[in-house]
N, C-alpha and C. Protein backbone atom coordinates (compact mmCIF):
# COMPACT_ATOMS: atom_id res chain seq x y z
N MET A 1 94.43 121.53 67.37
CA MET A 1 93.19 121.20 68.08
C MET A 1 93.42 119.93 68.90
N PHE A 2 92.81 119.91 70.07
CA PHE A 2 92.89 118.73 70.93
C PHE A 2 91.51 118.09 71.05
N TYR A 3 91.52 116.82 71.36
CA TYR A 3 90.32 116.04 71.63
C TYR A 3 90.46 115.49 73.04
N TYR A 4 89.38 115.47 73.76
CA TYR A 4 89.42 115.11 75.17
C TYR A 4 88.53 113.92 75.48
N THR A 5 89.04 113.02 76.28
CA THR A 5 88.24 111.97 76.88
C THR A 5 88.05 112.42 78.32
N TYR A 6 86.81 112.36 78.80
CA TYR A 6 86.53 112.92 80.11
C TYR A 6 85.64 112.00 80.94
N VAL A 7 85.69 112.22 82.25
CA VAL A 7 84.87 111.46 83.19
C VAL A 7 84.12 112.45 84.07
N LEU A 8 82.81 112.30 84.10
CA LEU A 8 81.96 113.11 84.95
C LEU A 8 81.38 112.23 86.04
N GLN A 9 81.06 112.84 87.17
CA GLN A 9 80.38 112.11 88.24
C GLN A 9 79.10 112.86 88.57
N SER A 10 78.01 112.10 88.68
CA SER A 10 76.73 112.68 89.05
C SER A 10 76.71 112.97 90.54
N ASN A 11 76.34 114.19 90.91
CA ASN A 11 76.16 114.52 92.32
C ASN A 11 74.87 113.89 92.86
N LYS A 12 74.00 113.47 91.96
CA LYS A 12 72.71 112.89 92.34
C LYS A 12 72.85 111.43 92.75
N ASP A 13 73.58 110.63 91.96
CA ASP A 13 73.69 109.20 92.24
C ASP A 13 75.13 108.68 92.32
N ASP A 14 76.11 109.57 92.22
CA ASP A 14 77.54 109.24 92.28
C ASP A 14 78.05 108.37 91.13
N LYS A 15 77.22 108.08 90.14
CA LYS A 15 77.66 107.26 89.01
C LYS A 15 78.54 108.08 88.07
N LEU A 16 79.40 107.36 87.34
CA LEU A 16 80.34 107.99 86.42
C LEU A 16 79.80 107.96 85.00
N TYR A 17 80.17 108.96 84.22
CA TYR A 17 79.85 109.03 82.80
C TYR A 17 81.16 109.32 82.07
N VAL A 18 81.42 108.59 81.01
CA VAL A 18 82.63 108.76 80.20
C VAL A 18 82.23 109.23 78.81
N GLY A 19 82.93 110.23 78.29
CA GLY A 19 82.65 110.73 76.95
C GLY A 19 83.90 111.31 76.32
N TRP A 20 83.74 111.85 75.12
CA TRP A 20 84.85 112.52 74.44
C TRP A 20 84.29 113.76 73.75
N THR A 21 85.15 114.74 73.52
CA THR A 21 84.74 115.99 72.90
C THR A 21 85.96 116.74 72.37
N SER A 22 85.71 117.75 71.57
CA SER A 22 86.80 118.64 71.13
C SER A 22 86.77 119.96 71.92
N ASP A 23 85.73 120.16 72.72
CA ASP A 23 85.61 121.39 73.53
C ASP A 23 85.12 120.99 74.92
N ILE A 24 86.05 120.76 75.83
CA ILE A 24 85.71 120.22 77.15
C ILE A 24 84.82 121.15 77.96
N ARG A 25 85.10 122.44 77.97
CA ARG A 25 84.28 123.38 78.75
C ARG A 25 82.83 123.41 78.24
N LYS A 26 82.70 123.50 76.93
CA LYS A 26 81.36 123.54 76.34
C LYS A 26 80.59 122.25 76.63
N ARG A 27 81.27 121.11 76.51
CA ARG A 27 80.60 119.83 76.68
C ARG A 27 80.13 119.62 78.12
N VAL A 28 80.96 119.99 79.10
CA VAL A 28 80.56 119.86 80.50
C VAL A 28 79.36 120.78 80.77
N ALA A 29 79.39 121.97 80.21
CA ALA A 29 78.26 122.89 80.36
C ALA A 29 76.99 122.29 79.76
N GLU A 30 77.09 121.67 78.58
CA GLU A 30 75.94 121.03 77.94
C GLU A 30 75.36 119.94 78.83
N HIS A 31 76.24 119.15 79.43
CA HIS A 31 75.77 118.11 80.35
C HIS A 31 74.98 118.73 81.50
N ASN A 32 75.51 119.78 82.10
CA ASN A 32 74.87 120.38 83.26
C ASN A 32 73.63 121.21 82.94
N LEU A 33 73.48 121.61 81.68
CA LEU A 33 72.27 122.32 81.24
C LEU A 33 71.16 121.36 80.85
N GLY A 34 71.46 120.05 80.86
CA GLY A 34 70.46 119.06 80.48
C GLY A 34 70.32 118.85 78.99
N LEU A 35 71.32 119.24 78.23
CA LEU A 35 71.28 119.12 76.77
C LEU A 35 71.77 117.76 76.27
N VAL A 36 72.27 116.92 77.18
CA VAL A 36 72.76 115.59 76.81
C VAL A 36 71.80 114.57 77.40
N GLN A 37 71.11 113.85 76.54
CA GLN A 37 70.05 112.94 76.97
C GLN A 37 70.50 111.93 78.01
N SER A 38 71.70 111.36 77.83
CA SER A 38 72.15 110.29 78.73
C SER A 38 72.46 110.75 80.15
N THR A 39 72.67 112.05 80.34
CA THR A 39 72.98 112.54 81.69
C THR A 39 71.95 113.55 82.20
N LYS A 40 70.94 113.82 81.42
CA LYS A 40 69.96 114.84 81.76
C LYS A 40 69.34 114.63 83.14
N SER A 41 68.99 113.40 83.47
CA SER A 41 68.32 113.12 84.74
C SER A 41 69.31 112.93 85.90
N ARG A 42 70.60 113.03 85.61
CA ARG A 42 71.62 112.78 86.64
C ARG A 42 72.36 114.04 87.06
N ARG A 43 71.83 115.19 86.69
CA ARG A 43 72.45 116.47 87.02
C ARG A 43 72.28 116.79 88.49
N PRO A 44 73.19 117.58 89.04
CA PRO A 44 74.39 118.17 88.43
C PRO A 44 75.53 117.17 88.35
N LEU A 45 76.45 117.47 87.45
CA LEU A 45 77.62 116.62 87.23
C LEU A 45 78.89 117.42 87.44
N LYS A 46 79.92 116.75 87.93
CA LYS A 46 81.20 117.43 88.09
C LYS A 46 82.26 116.70 87.28
N LEU A 47 83.17 117.46 86.74
CA LEU A 47 84.28 116.91 85.96
C LEU A 47 85.32 116.37 86.93
N LEU A 48 85.60 115.07 86.83
CA LEU A 48 86.60 114.45 87.71
C LEU A 48 87.96 114.33 87.05
N PHE A 49 87.96 114.10 85.73
CA PHE A 49 89.20 113.69 85.07
C PHE A 49 89.07 113.90 83.57
N TYR A 50 90.15 114.30 82.93
CA TYR A 50 90.16 114.33 81.47
C TYR A 50 91.57 114.10 80.96
N GLU A 51 91.64 113.64 79.73
CA GLU A 51 92.91 113.43 79.03
C GLU A 51 92.81 114.13 77.68
N ALA A 52 93.90 114.71 77.23
CA ALA A 52 93.93 115.42 75.95
C ALA A 52 94.71 114.60 74.92
N PHE A 53 94.18 114.56 73.71
CA PHE A 53 94.80 113.84 72.60
C PHE A 53 94.85 114.75 71.37
N GLN A 54 95.87 114.59 70.56
CA GLN A 54 95.96 115.36 69.33
C GLN A 54 95.17 114.71 68.20
N ASN A 55 94.80 113.47 68.37
CA ASN A 55 94.09 112.73 67.34
C ASN A 55 92.73 112.28 67.86
N LYS A 56 91.69 112.55 67.10
CA LYS A 56 90.32 112.20 67.48
C LYS A 56 90.16 110.70 67.73
N LYS A 57 90.77 109.89 66.88
CA LYS A 57 90.64 108.44 67.02
C LYS A 57 91.20 107.95 68.35
N ASP A 58 92.29 108.57 68.81
CA ASP A 58 92.85 108.19 70.11
C ASP A 58 91.88 108.50 71.25
N ALA A 59 91.24 109.65 71.18
CA ALA A 59 90.27 110.03 72.22
C ALA A 59 89.07 109.09 72.22
N VAL A 60 88.58 108.75 71.03
CA VAL A 60 87.43 107.84 70.92
C VAL A 60 87.79 106.44 71.42
N LEU A 61 88.96 105.95 71.05
CA LEU A 61 89.39 104.63 71.53
C LEU A 61 89.57 104.61 73.04
N ARG A 62 90.08 105.70 73.61
CA ARG A 62 90.24 105.77 75.07
C ARG A 62 88.87 105.76 75.75
N GLU A 63 87.91 106.49 75.18
CA GLU A 63 86.55 106.49 75.72
C GLU A 63 85.98 105.07 75.71
N LYS A 64 86.14 104.39 74.59
CA LYS A 64 85.61 103.01 74.50
C LYS A 64 86.26 102.11 75.53
N PHE A 65 87.58 102.25 75.73
CA PHE A 65 88.26 101.44 76.73
C PHE A 65 87.73 101.74 78.13
N LEU A 66 87.58 103.02 78.46
CA LEU A 66 87.14 103.38 79.81
C LEU A 66 85.71 102.94 80.10
N LYS A 67 84.96 102.63 79.06
CA LYS A 67 83.58 102.13 79.25
C LYS A 67 83.53 100.62 79.42
N THR A 68 84.67 99.94 79.28
CA THR A 68 84.71 98.49 79.47
C THR A 68 84.91 98.17 80.95
N GLY A 69 84.78 96.91 81.30
CA GLY A 69 85.04 96.49 82.67
C GLY A 69 86.46 96.81 83.11
N TRP A 70 87.43 96.54 82.23
CA TRP A 70 88.83 96.85 82.54
C TRP A 70 89.02 98.35 82.71
N GLY A 71 88.39 99.10 81.85
CA GLY A 71 88.51 100.55 81.91
C GLY A 71 87.92 101.12 83.18
N ARG A 72 86.76 100.60 83.59
CA ARG A 72 86.13 101.06 84.84
C ARG A 72 87.03 100.73 86.04
N ARG A 73 87.64 99.56 86.02
CA ARG A 73 88.56 99.20 87.11
C ARG A 73 89.76 100.15 87.13
N HIS A 74 90.27 100.46 85.94
CA HIS A 74 91.39 101.40 85.83
C HIS A 74 91.00 102.76 86.43
N LEU A 75 89.80 103.24 86.12
CA LEU A 75 89.34 104.52 86.66
C LEU A 75 89.22 104.48 88.18
N LYS A 76 88.69 103.40 88.70
CA LYS A 76 88.52 103.29 90.15
C LYS A 76 89.87 103.30 90.87
N ILE A 77 90.88 102.71 90.24
CA ILE A 77 92.23 102.74 90.82
C ILE A 77 92.83 104.14 90.67
N ALA A 78 92.74 104.71 89.49
CA ALA A 78 93.34 106.03 89.22
C ALA A 78 92.68 107.14 90.04
N LEU A 79 91.39 106.99 90.33
CA LEU A 79 90.64 108.02 91.06
C LEU A 79 90.27 107.56 92.46
N LYS A 80 91.08 106.70 93.02
CA LYS A 80 90.79 106.09 94.32
C LYS A 80 90.41 107.12 95.38
N TYR A 81 91.20 108.14 95.55
CA TYR A 81 90.95 109.12 96.61
C TYR A 81 89.84 110.09 96.21
N THR A 82 89.75 110.39 94.94
CA THR A 82 88.68 111.26 94.46
C THR A 82 87.30 110.63 94.66
N LEU A 83 87.24 109.30 94.47
CA LEU A 83 85.97 108.57 94.60
C LEU A 83 85.68 108.14 96.04
N GLY A 84 86.57 108.47 96.96
CA GLY A 84 86.30 108.19 98.36
C GLY A 84 86.87 106.89 98.89
N GLY A 85 87.77 106.24 98.15
CA GLY A 85 88.38 105.01 98.63
C GLY A 85 89.63 105.31 99.42
N TYR A 86 89.48 105.73 100.63
CA TYR A 86 90.62 106.18 101.43
C TYR A 86 91.34 105.05 102.13
N ASN A 87 90.93 103.83 102.00
CA ASN A 87 91.56 102.70 102.71
C ASN A 87 92.78 102.20 101.97
């Protein structure tokens, strides 16, 4: 079994959401169906990025890191062209 840390972007406000799950397809669907309170008002959402881990703790720690200031900066660099930073 794999655990995933993922990044979604709201098509409504362009903001990013970071989470973790053991079933990436199901979780993205739940977000877009409005079943996740924190993203319900920000639908629709698109999956920008995910990482797979064999250990749940690794996925959770990665999620926590990506939610920090350093983690957000890392995402903006890693997803530069995806987020529209073409300069």
